[in-house]
Amino acid sequence: MQNNTNLVYIYDGTLEGFLCCVYESYVRHEIPVQIRTEEDAGQPLLLEETEWIRTDMEHAGKIYESIDRKIALEAQDFIREAFLTCLPDKEIFMYRFIRMGYQYGRSVMDRLTDDTVGALIKAVRNLRRESHNFMGFVRFTIYDGVMVSCISPKNRVLPLLSDHFTNRYPDETFLIYDRTHQMAVVHKPEGTLLTAMHHLSLPPIDDAEKAYHTLWKCFQKTIAIEERHNPKCQMNHMPKRFWADMTEFES
């Protein structure tokens, strides 16, 4: 394999597209210094050589299957979750992890002191922690019979939230919109869809929904114990960045 210090792969931003970057690296016997999405590519830097990698589902499937075969089944889940994180330059970390996995097998998962493995494990933990928080902090508002929630996560948590809320509300129609990544999960009793959504415009809530908001805020105040009010402890358990989308903190 030739290590080209100027080579940058550009792909379409999908997990399958990233896996094709791994595939092409091995077919071409070259090692890119960076892997970027079309959105992040920008203008090439001086002496930088960019290469567009086309997404091929067959090639992506071969790499995905090889992760199970050469590393471990859990490594497939790890790569899927790592792709959802907000780790800067996550693609090159994932690429290095897969290459190490091909060399060391299952033991790569235990190389916690390695910079690549350690960074990915930390990022995946943050993803899981954030998604767990949202499972408790998501608040829905009813619009014409549809439960709608808007969130602003750091990581791409919607794929992890989808199963949770689909199992919790299987017979409801709901939409969770991720402002940060302009994605949405839409669920109806007949199925669930994860889709791009660049903008969501909502009408004013009706009087009945306003009454429910008021009741919920009154409930929160009623169960609160003034003598035990501890803002610092509250922010430890419920970080302030979640407050903007929670009914109980509405003014």
C-alpha atoms as a PDB file:
ATOM      1  CA  MET A   1       0.000   0.000   0.000  1.00  0.00           C
ATOM      2  CA  GLN A   2       1.299   3.432  -0.950  1.00  0.00           C
ATOM      3  CA  ASN A   3       0.868   6.176   1.648  1.00  0.00           C
ATOM      4  CA  ASN A   4       0.098   9.345  -0.306  1.00  0.00           C
ATOM      5  CA  THR A   5       0.381  12.359   2.021  1.00  0.00           C
ATOM      6  CA  ASN A   6      -1.525  14.571  -0.447  1.00  0.00           C
ATOM      7  CA  LEU A   7      -4.402  12.254  -1.345  1.00  0.00           C
ATOM      8  CA  VAL A   8      -7.912  13.140  -0.149  1.00  0.00           C
ATOM      9  CA  TYR A   9     -10.948  10.970  -0.906  1.00  0.00           C
ATOM     10  CA  ILE A  10     -14.290  12.752  -1.416  1.00  0.00           C
ATOM     11  CA  TYR A  11     -17.529  10.782  -0.941  1.00  0.00           C
ATOM     12  CA  ASP A  12     -21.271  11.383  -0.742  1.00  0.00           C
ATOM     13  CA  GLY A  13     -21.613  11.483   3.060  1.00  0.00           C
ATOM     14  CA  THR A  14     -23.320   8.095   3.470  1.00  0.00           C
ATOM     15  CA  LEU A  15     -21.991   5.116   5.412  1.00  0.00           C
ATOM     16  CA  GLU A  16     -22.036   3.108   2.184  1.00  0.00           C
ATOM     17  CA  GLY A  17     -20.008   5.828   0.494  1.00  0.00           C
ATOM     18  CA  PHE A  18     -17.424   5.711   3.270  1.00  0.00           C
ATOM     19  CA  LEU A  19     -17.153   1.918   2.989  1.00  0.00           C
ATOM     20  CA  CYS A  20     -16.507   2.372  -0.732  1.00  0.00           C
ATOM     21  CA  CYS A  21     -13.577   4.629   0.181  1.00  0.00           C
ATOM     22  CA  VAL A  22     -12.110   1.729   2.167  1.00  0.00           C
ATOM     23  CA  TYR A  23     -12.737  -0.608  -0.768  1.00  0.00           C
ATOM     24  CA  GLU A  24     -11.072   1.687  -3.308  1.00  0.00           C
ATOM     25  CA  SER A  25      -8.092   2.219  -1.019  1.00  0.00           C
ATOM     26  CA  TYR A  26      -7.337  -1.501  -1.100  1.00  0.00           C
ATOM     27  CA  VAL A  27      -8.095  -1.952  -4.809  1.00  0.00           C
ATOM     28  CA  ARG A  28      -5.835   0.972  -5.743  1.00  0.00           C
ATOM     29  CA  HIS A  29      -3.153   0.112  -3.156  1.00  0.00           C
ATOM     30  CA  GLU A  30      -3.131   3.650  -1.773  1.00  0.00           C
ATOM     31  CA  ILE A  31      -3.728   5.228   1.621  1.00  0.00           C
ATOM     32  CA  PRO A  32      -5.556   8.589   1.711  1.00  0.00           C
ATOM     33  CA  VAL A  33      -4.524  11.200   4.237  1.00  0.00           C
ATOM     34  CA  GLN A  34      -8.121  12.415   4.613  1.00  0.00           C
ATOM     35  CA  ILE A  35     -11.650  11.304   3.723  1.00  0.00           C
ATOM     36  CA  ARG A  36     -14.198  14.111   3.381  1.00  0.00           C
ATOM     37  CA  THR A  37     -17.801  14.542   2.342  1.00  0.00           C
ATOM     38  CA  GLU A  38     -18.841  16.603  -0.661  1.00  0.00           C
ATOM     39  CA  GLU A  39     -20.201  19.191   1.769  1.00  0.00           C
ATOM     40  CA  ASP A  40     -16.905  19.517   3.652  1.00  0.00           C
ATOM     41  CA  ALA A  41     -14.600  19.238   0.660  1.00  0.00           C
ATOM     42  CA  GLY A  42     -14.364  22.914  -0.284  1.00  0.00           C
ATOM     43  CA  GLN A  43     -11.507  24.016  -2.516  1.00  0.00           C
ATOM     44  CA  PRO A  44      -8.441  21.717  -2.630  1.00  0.00           C
ATOM     45  CA  LEU A  45      -5.461  23.011  -0.688  1.00  0.00           C
ATOM     46  CA  LEU A  46      -2.076  23.623  -2.302  1.00  0.00           C
ATOM     47  CA  LEU A  47      -0.568  20.303  -3.514  1.00  0.00           C
ATOM     48  CA  GLU A  48      -3.675  18.447  -2.337  1.00  0.00           C
ATOM     49  CA  GLU A  49      -4.868  15.692  -4.666  1.00  0.00           C
ATOM     50  CA  THR A  50      -8.597  14.932  -4.414  1.00  0.00           C
ATOM     51  CA  GLU A  51     -10.289  11.816  -5.717  1.00  0.00           C
ATOM     52  CA  TRP A  52     -14.080  11.392  -5.987  1.00  0.00           C
ATOM     53  CA  ILE A  53     -15.195   7.949  -4.785  1.00  0.00           C
ATOM     54  CA  ARG A  54     -18.460   6.733  -6.290  1.00  0.00           C
ATOM     55  CA  THR A  55     -20.839   4.815  -4.036  1.00  0.00           C
ATOM     56  CA  ASP A  56     -21.295   1.217  -5.121  1.00  0.00           C
ATOM     57  CA  MET A  57     -23.568  -0.854  -2.897  1.00  0.00           C
ATOM     58  CA  GLU A  58     -21.836  -4.110  -3.861  1.00  0.00           C
ATOM     59  CA  HIS A  59     -18.425  -2.747  -2.903  1.00  0.00           C
ATOM     60  CA  ALA A  60     -19.814  -1.310   0.331  1.00  0.00           C
ATOM     61  CA  GLY A  61     -21.376  -4.662   1.177  1.00  0.00           C
ATOM     62  CA  LYS A  62     -18.080  -6.475   0.671  1.00  0.00           C
ATOM     63  CA  ILE A  63     -16.289  -4.204   3.141  1.00  0.00           C
ATOM     64  CA  TYR A  64     -19.140  -4.377   5.645  1.00  0.00           C
ATOM     65  CA  GLU A  65     -19.151  -8.182   5.546  1.00  0.00           C
ATOM     66  CA  SER A  66     -15.353  -8.262   5.849  1.00  0.00           C
ATOM     67  CA  ILE A  67     -15.549  -6.312   9.127  1.00  0.00           C
ATOM     68  CA  ASP A  68     -17.558  -9.163  10.654  1.00  0.00           C
ATOM     69  CA  ARG A  69     -15.384 -11.848   9.074  1.00  0.00           C
ATOM     70  CA  LYS A  70     -11.952 -10.345   9.757  1.00  0.00           C
ATOM     71  CA  ILE A  71     -12.605  -8.369  12.948  1.00  0.00           C
ATOM     72  CA  ALA A  72     -15.865  -9.136  14.784  1.00  0.00           C
ATOM     73  CA  LEU A  73     -19.619  -8.767  14.489  1.00  0.00           C
ATOM     74  CA  GLU A  74     -19.545  -6.114  17.216  1.00  0.00           C
ATOM     75  CA  ALA A  75     -17.087  -4.135  15.093  1.00  0.00           C
ATOM     76  CA  GLN A  76     -19.851  -3.679  12.500  1.00  0.00           C
ATOM     77  CA  ASP A  77     -22.089  -2.083  15.145  1.00  0.00           C
ATOM     78  CA  PHE A  78     -19.145  -0.005  16.350  1.00  0.00           C
ATOM     79  CA  ILE A  79     -18.453   1.364  12.861  1.00  0.00           C
ATOM     80  CA  ARG A  80     -22.163   2.155  12.302  1.00  0.00           C
ATOM     81  CA  GLU A  81     -22.286   4.093  15.575  1.00  0.00           C
ATOM     82  CA  ALA A  82     -18.931   5.797  14.988  1.00  0.00           C
ATOM     83  CA  PHE A  83     -20.326   7.115  11.707  1.00  0.00           C
ATOM     84  CA  LEU A  84     -23.155   8.824  13.637  1.00  0.00           C
ATOM     85  CA  THR A  85     -20.803  10.724  15.945  1.00  0.00           C
ATOM     86  CA  CYS A  86     -19.704  14.350  15.711  1.00  0.00           C
ATOM     87  CA  LEU A  87     -16.018  13.412  16.031  1.00  0.00           C
ATOM     88  CA  PRO A  88     -14.014  15.743  13.758  1.00  0.00           C
ATOM     89  CA  ASP A  89     -12.440  13.835  10.850  1.00  0.00           C
ATOM     90  CA  LYS A  90     -14.244  10.701  12.005  1.00  0.00           C
ATOM     91  CA  GLU A  91     -13.838   9.059   8.588  1.00  0.00           C
ATOM     92  CA  ILE A  92     -10.050   8.865   8.761  1.00  0.00           C
ATOM     93  CA  PHE A  93     -10.264   7.466  12.306  1.00  0.00           C
ATOM     94  CA  MET A  94     -12.753   4.838  11.122  1.00  0.00           C
ATOM     95  CA  TYR A  95     -10.565   4.036   8.115  1.00  0.00           C
ATOM     96  CA  ARG A  96      -7.516   3.505  10.344  1.00  0.00           C
ATOM     97  CA  PHE A  97      -9.574   1.400  12.755  1.00  0.00           C
ATOM     98  CA  ILE A  98     -10.685  -0.927   9.954  1.00  0.00           C
ATOM     99  CA  ARG A  99      -7.129  -1.272   8.666  1.00  0.00           C
ATOM    100  CA  MET A 100      -5.928  -2.083  12.189  1.00  0.00           C
ATOM    101  CA  GLY A 101      -8.787  -4.541  12.576  1.00  0.00           C
ATOM    102  CA  TYR A 102      -7.753  -6.374   9.424  1.00  0.00           C
ATOM    103  CA  GLN A 103      -4.283  -6.685  10.939  1.00  0.00           C
ATOM    104  CA  TYR A 104      -5.096  -7.518  14.572  1.00  0.00           C
ATOM    105  CA  GLY A 105      -8.590  -9.029  14.369  1.00  0.00           C
ATOM    106  CA  ARG A 106     -10.967  -8.883  17.348  1.00  0.00           C
ATOM    107  CA  SER A 107      -8.214  -7.639  19.686  1.00  0.00           C
ATOM    108  CA  VAL A 108      -8.341  -4.210  18.028  1.00  0.00           C
ATOM    109  CA  MET A 109     -11.447  -3.503  20.139  1.00  0.00           C
ATOM    110  CA  ASP A 110      -9.321  -3.809  23.270  1.00  0.00           C
ATOM    111  CA  ARG A 111      -6.499  -1.474  22.200  1.00  0.00           C
ATOM    112  CA  LEU A 112      -7.858   1.322  24.384  1.00  0.00           C
ATOM    113  CA  THR A 113      -4.568   3.222  24.619  1.00  0.00           C
ATOM    114  CA  ASP A 114      -4.275   3.532  20.854  1.00  0.00           C
ATOM    115  CA  ASP A 115      -5.091   7.087  19.731  1.00  0.00           C
ATOM    116  CA  THR A 116      -7.393   5.944  16.926  1.00  0.00           C
ATOM    117  CA  VAL A 117      -9.317   3.344  18.913  1.00  0.00           C
ATOM    118  CA  GLY A 118      -9.494   5.554  22.001  1.00  0.00           C
ATOM    119  CA  ALA A 119     -10.880   8.529  20.068  1.00  0.00           C
ATOM    120  CA  LEU A 120     -13.575   6.396  18.429  1.00  0.00           C
ATOM    121  CA  ILE A 121     -14.577   4.696  21.680  1.00  0.00           C
ATOM    122  CA  LYS A 122     -14.911   8.083  23.407  1.00  0.00           C
ATOM    123  CA  ALA A 123     -16.984   9.451  20.514  1.00  0.00           C
ATOM    124  CA  VAL A 124     -19.309   6.423  20.496  1.00  0.00           C
ATOM    125  CA  ARG A 125     -19.781   6.699  24.261  1.00  0.00           C
ATOM    126  CA  ASN A 126     -20.770  10.354  23.837  1.00  0.00           C
ATOM    127  CA  LEU A 127     -23.217   9.357  21.091  1.00  0.00           C
ATOM    128  CA  ARG A 128     -24.823   6.707  23.282  1.00  0.00           C
ATOM    129  CA  ARG A 129     -24.997   9.061  26.267  1.00  0.00           C
ATOM    130  CA  GLU A 130     -26.622  11.807  24.212  1.00  0.00           C
ATOM    131  CA  SER A 131     -29.173   9.451  22.659  1.00  0.00           C
ATOM    132  CA  HIS A 132     -30.003   8.067  26.115  1.00  0.00           C
ATOM    133  CA  ASN A 133     -30.579  11.628  27.362  1.00  0.00           C
ATOM    134  CA  PHE A 134     -32.899  12.409  24.467  1.00  0.00           C
ATOM    135  CA  MET A 135     -34.963   9.310  25.212  1.00  0.00           C
ATOM    136  CA  GLY A 136     -35.950  11.086  28.415  1.00  0.00           C
ATOM    137  CA  PHE A 137     -35.801  14.722  27.315  1.00  0.00           C
ATOM    138  CA  VAL A 138     -37.788  14.620  24.050  1.00  0.00           C
ATOM    139  CA  ARG A 139     -41.081  16.503  24.379  1.00  0.00           C
ATOM    140  CA  PHE A 140     -43.869  16.141  21.822  1.00  0.00           C
ATOM    141  CA  THR A 141     -46.454  18.704  20.764  1.00  0.00           C
ATOM    142  CA  ILE A 142     -49.640  17.656  18.940  1.00  0.00           C
ATOM    143  CA  TYR A 143     -50.378  19.216  15.539  1.00  0.00           C
ATOM    144  CA  ASP A 144     -53.550  17.876  13.877  1.00  0.00           C
ATOM    145  CA  GLY A 145     -53.098  14.478  15.480  1.00  0.00           C
ATOM    146  CA  VAL A 146     -49.367  14.258  14.748  1.00  0.00           C
ATOM    147  CA  MET A 147     -46.866  14.199  17.623  1.00  0.00           C
ATOM    148  CA  VAL A 148     -43.958  16.510  16.698  1.00  0.00           C
ATOM    149  CA  SER A 149     -40.673  17.153  18.473  1.00  0.00           C
ATOM    150  CA  CYS A 150     -37.715  19.334  17.435  1.00  0.00           C
ATOM    151  CA  ILE A 151     -34.259  18.619  18.833  1.00  0.00           C
ATOM    152  CA  SER A 152     -30.734  20.006  18.354  1.00  0.00           C
ATOM    153  CA  PRO A 153     -28.300  17.152  19.076  1.00  0.00           C
ATOM    154  CA  LYS A 154     -24.536  17.248  18.598  1.00  0.00           C
ATOM    155  CA  ASN A 155     -24.464  13.714  17.179  1.00  0.00           C
ATOM    156  CA  ARG A 156     -26.737  12.041  14.633  1.00  0.00           C
ATOM    157  CA  VAL A 157     -28.908  10.388  17.271  1.00  0.00           C
ATOM    158  CA  LEU A 158     -32.083   9.878  15.201  1.00  0.00           C
ATOM    159  CA  PRO A 159     -31.287   6.290  14.100  1.00  0.00           C
ATOM    160  CA  LEU A 160     -30.866   5.356  17.779  1.00  0.00           C
ATOM    161  CA  LEU A 161     -34.001   7.233  18.859  1.00  0.00           C
ATOM    162  CA  SER A 162     -36.113   5.773  16.071  1.00  0.00           C
ATOM    163  CA  ASP A 163     -36.405   2.252  17.487  1.00  0.00           C
ATOM    164  CA  HIS A 164     -37.009   3.543  21.023  1.00  0.00           C
ATOM    165  CA  PHE A 165     -39.950   5.794  20.143  1.00  0.00           C
ATOM    166  CA  THR A 166     -41.341   3.411  17.530  1.00  0.00           C
ATOM    167  CA  ASN A 167     -41.543   0.708  20.203  1.00  0.00           C
ATOM    168  CA  ARG A 168     -42.950   3.200  22.714  1.00  0.00           C
ATOM    169  CA  TYR A 169     -45.617   4.642  20.407  1.00  0.00           C
ATOM    170  CA  PRO A 170     -46.260   1.927  17.773  1.00  0.00           C
ATOM    171  CA  ASP A 171     -49.823   3.047  17.006  1.00  0.00           C
ATOM    172  CA  GLU A 172     -49.149   6.797  16.938  1.00  0.00           C
ATOM    173  CA  THR A 173     -48.043   9.109  14.162  1.00  0.00           C
ATOM    174  CA  PHE A 174     -45.000  11.145  15.158  1.00  0.00           C
ATOM    175  CA  LEU A 175     -42.127  13.156  13.731  1.00  0.00           C
ATOM    176  CA  ILE A 176     -38.818  14.000  15.387  1.00  0.00           C
ATOM    177  CA  TYR A 177     -36.876  16.719  13.568  1.00  0.00           C
ATOM    178  CA  ASP A 178     -33.104  17.116  14.026  1.00  0.00           C
ATOM    179  CA  ARG A 179     -32.325  20.774  13.322  1.00  0.00           C
ATOM    180  CA  THR A 180     -28.566  20.287  13.541  1.00  0.00           C
ATOM    181  CA  HIS A 181     -28.303  17.670  10.800  1.00  0.00           C
ATOM    182  CA  GLN A 182     -31.557  18.517   8.971  1.00  0.00           C
ATOM    183  CA  MET A 183     -32.922  15.003   9.306  1.00  0.00           C
ATOM    184  CA  ALA A 184     -36.216  13.624  10.563  1.00  0.00           C
ATOM    185  CA  VAL A 185     -37.678  10.321  11.636  1.00  0.00           C
ATOM    186  CA  VAL A 186     -41.323   9.947  10.595  1.00  0.00           C
ATOM    187  CA  HIS A 187     -43.390   7.144  12.082  1.00  0.00           C
ATOM    188  CA  LYS A 188     -46.865   5.925  11.190  1.00  0.00           C
ATOM    189  CA  PRO A 189     -48.497   2.673  12.350  1.00  0.00           C
ATOM    190  CA  GLU A 190     -47.687   1.170   8.952  1.00  0.00           C
ATOM    191  CA  GLY A 191     -43.964   2.021   9.015  1.00  0.00           C
ATOM    192  CA  THR A 192     -41.043   4.292   9.935  1.00  0.00           C
ATOM    193  CA  LEU A 193     -38.906   6.478   7.659  1.00  0.00           C
ATOM    194  CA  LEU A 194     -35.623   8.283   8.303  1.00  0.00           C
ATOM    195  CA  THR A 195     -35.295  11.115   5.794  1.00  0.00           C
ATOM    196  CA  ALA A 196     -33.533  14.380   5.017  1.00  0.00           C
ATOM    197  CA  MET A 197     -35.584  17.447   5.970  1.00  0.00           C
ATOM    198  CA  HIS A 198     -33.981  20.816   5.351  1.00  0.00           C
ATOM    199  CA  HIS A 199     -36.714  22.890   6.993  1.00  0.00           C
ATOM    200  CA  LEU A 200     -39.713  22.363   9.230  1.00  0.00           C
ATOM    201  CA  SER A 201     -42.353  25.051   9.574  1.00  0.00           C
ATOM    202  CA  LEU A 202     -45.019  24.455  12.213  1.00  0.00           C
ATOM    203  CA  PRO A 203     -48.311  26.303  12.759  1.00  0.00           C
ATOM    204  CA  PRO A 204     -49.203  27.820  16.147  1.00  0.00           C
ATOM    205  CA  ILE A 205     -50.465  25.268  18.647  1.00  0.00           C
ATOM    206  CA  ASP A 206     -54.191  25.223  19.318  1.00  0.00           C
ATOM    207  CA  ASP A 207     -55.882  26.078  22.620  1.00  0.00           C
ATOM    208  CA  ALA A 208     -56.179  22.445  23.723  1.00  0.00           C
ATOM    209  CA  GLU A 209     -52.440  21.882  23.300  1.00  0.00           C
ATOM    210  CA  LYS A 210     -51.693  25.150  25.104  1.00  0.00           C
ATOM    211  CA  ALA A 211     -53.769  23.863  28.005  1.00  0.00           C
ATOM    212  CA  TYR A 212     -51.729  20.629  28.116  1.00  0.00           C
ATOM    213  CA  HIS A 213     -48.490  22.657  28.131  1.00  0.00           C
ATOM    214  CA  THR A 214     -49.797  24.712  31.038  1.00  0.00           C
ATOM    215  CA  LEU A 215     -50.868  21.593  32.934  1.00  0.00           C
ATOM    216  CA  TRP A 216     -47.461  19.984  32.428  1.00  0.00           C
ATOM    217  CA  LYS A 217     -45.620  23.070  33.712  1.00  0.00           C
ATOM    218  CA  CYS A 218     -47.958  23.257  36.712  1.00  0.00           C
ATOM    219  CA  PHE A 219     -47.297  19.582  37.435  1.00  0.00           C
ATOM    220  CA  GLN A 220     -43.550  20.178  37.340  1.00  0.00           C
ATOM    221  CA  LYS A 221     -43.857  23.085  39.783  1.00  0.00           C
ATOM    222  CA  THR A 222     -46.184  21.117  42.087  1.00  0.00           C
ATOM    223  CA  ILE A 223     -43.842  18.142  42.519  1.00  0.00           C
ATOM    224  CA  ALA A 224     -40.774  20.347  42.992  1.00  0.00           C
ATOM    225  CA  ILE A 225     -39.442  20.665  46.547  1.00  0.00           C
ATOM    226  CA  GLU A 226     -38.197  24.210  47.013  1.00  0.00           C
ATOM    227  CA  GLU A 227     -35.832  23.302  49.857  1.00  0.00           C
ATOM    228  CA  ARG A 228     -34.067  20.788  47.627  1.00  0.00           C
ATOM    229  CA  HIS A 229     -33.733  23.106  44.623  1.00  0.00           C
ATOM    230  CA  ASN A 230     -30.162  22.693  43.356  1.00  0.00           C
ATOM    231  CA  PRO A 231     -29.513  24.302  39.926  1.00  0.00           C
ATOM    232  CA  LYS A 232     -26.003  22.845  39.650  1.00  0.00           C
ATOM    233  CA  CYS A 233     -27.238  19.316  40.302  1.00  0.00           C
ATOM    234  CA  GLN A 234     -30.137  19.877  37.893  1.00  0.00           C
ATOM    235  CA  MET A 235     -27.762  20.871  35.088  1.00  0.00           C
ATOM    236  CA  ASN A 236     -25.594  17.815  35.759  1.00  0.00           C
ATOM    237  CA  HIS A 237     -28.579  15.525  35.178  1.00  0.00           C
ATOM    238  CA  MET A 238     -30.289  17.716  32.565  1.00  0.00           C
ATOM    239  CA  PRO A 239     -27.712  19.796  30.626  1.00  0.00           C
ATOM    240  CA  LYS A 240     -28.866  23.283  29.803  1.00  0.00           C
ATOM    241  CA  ARG A 241     -28.537  22.779  26.044  1.00  0.00           C
ATOM    242  CA  PHE A 242     -31.606  20.502  26.182  1.00  0.00           C
ATOM    243  CA  TRP A 243     -33.818  23.080  27.912  1.00  0.00           C
ATOM    244  CA  ALA A 244     -34.805  25.087  24.808  1.00  0.00           C
ATOM    245  CA  ASP A 245     -36.865  22.172  23.482  1.00  0.00           C
ATOM    246  CA  MET A 246     -38.459  21.081  26.770  1.00  0.00           C
ATOM    247  CA  THR A 247     -41.990  22.187  27.614  1.00  0.00           C
ATOM    248  CA  GLU A 248     -41.297  22.711  31.335  1.00  0.00           C
ATOM    249  CA  PHE A 249     -38.710  25.398  30.521  1.00  0.00           C
ATOM    250  CA  GLU A 250     -40.923  27.404  28.189  1.00  0.00           C
ATOM    251  CA  SER A 251     -41.435  30.993  29.300  1.00  0.00           C
END
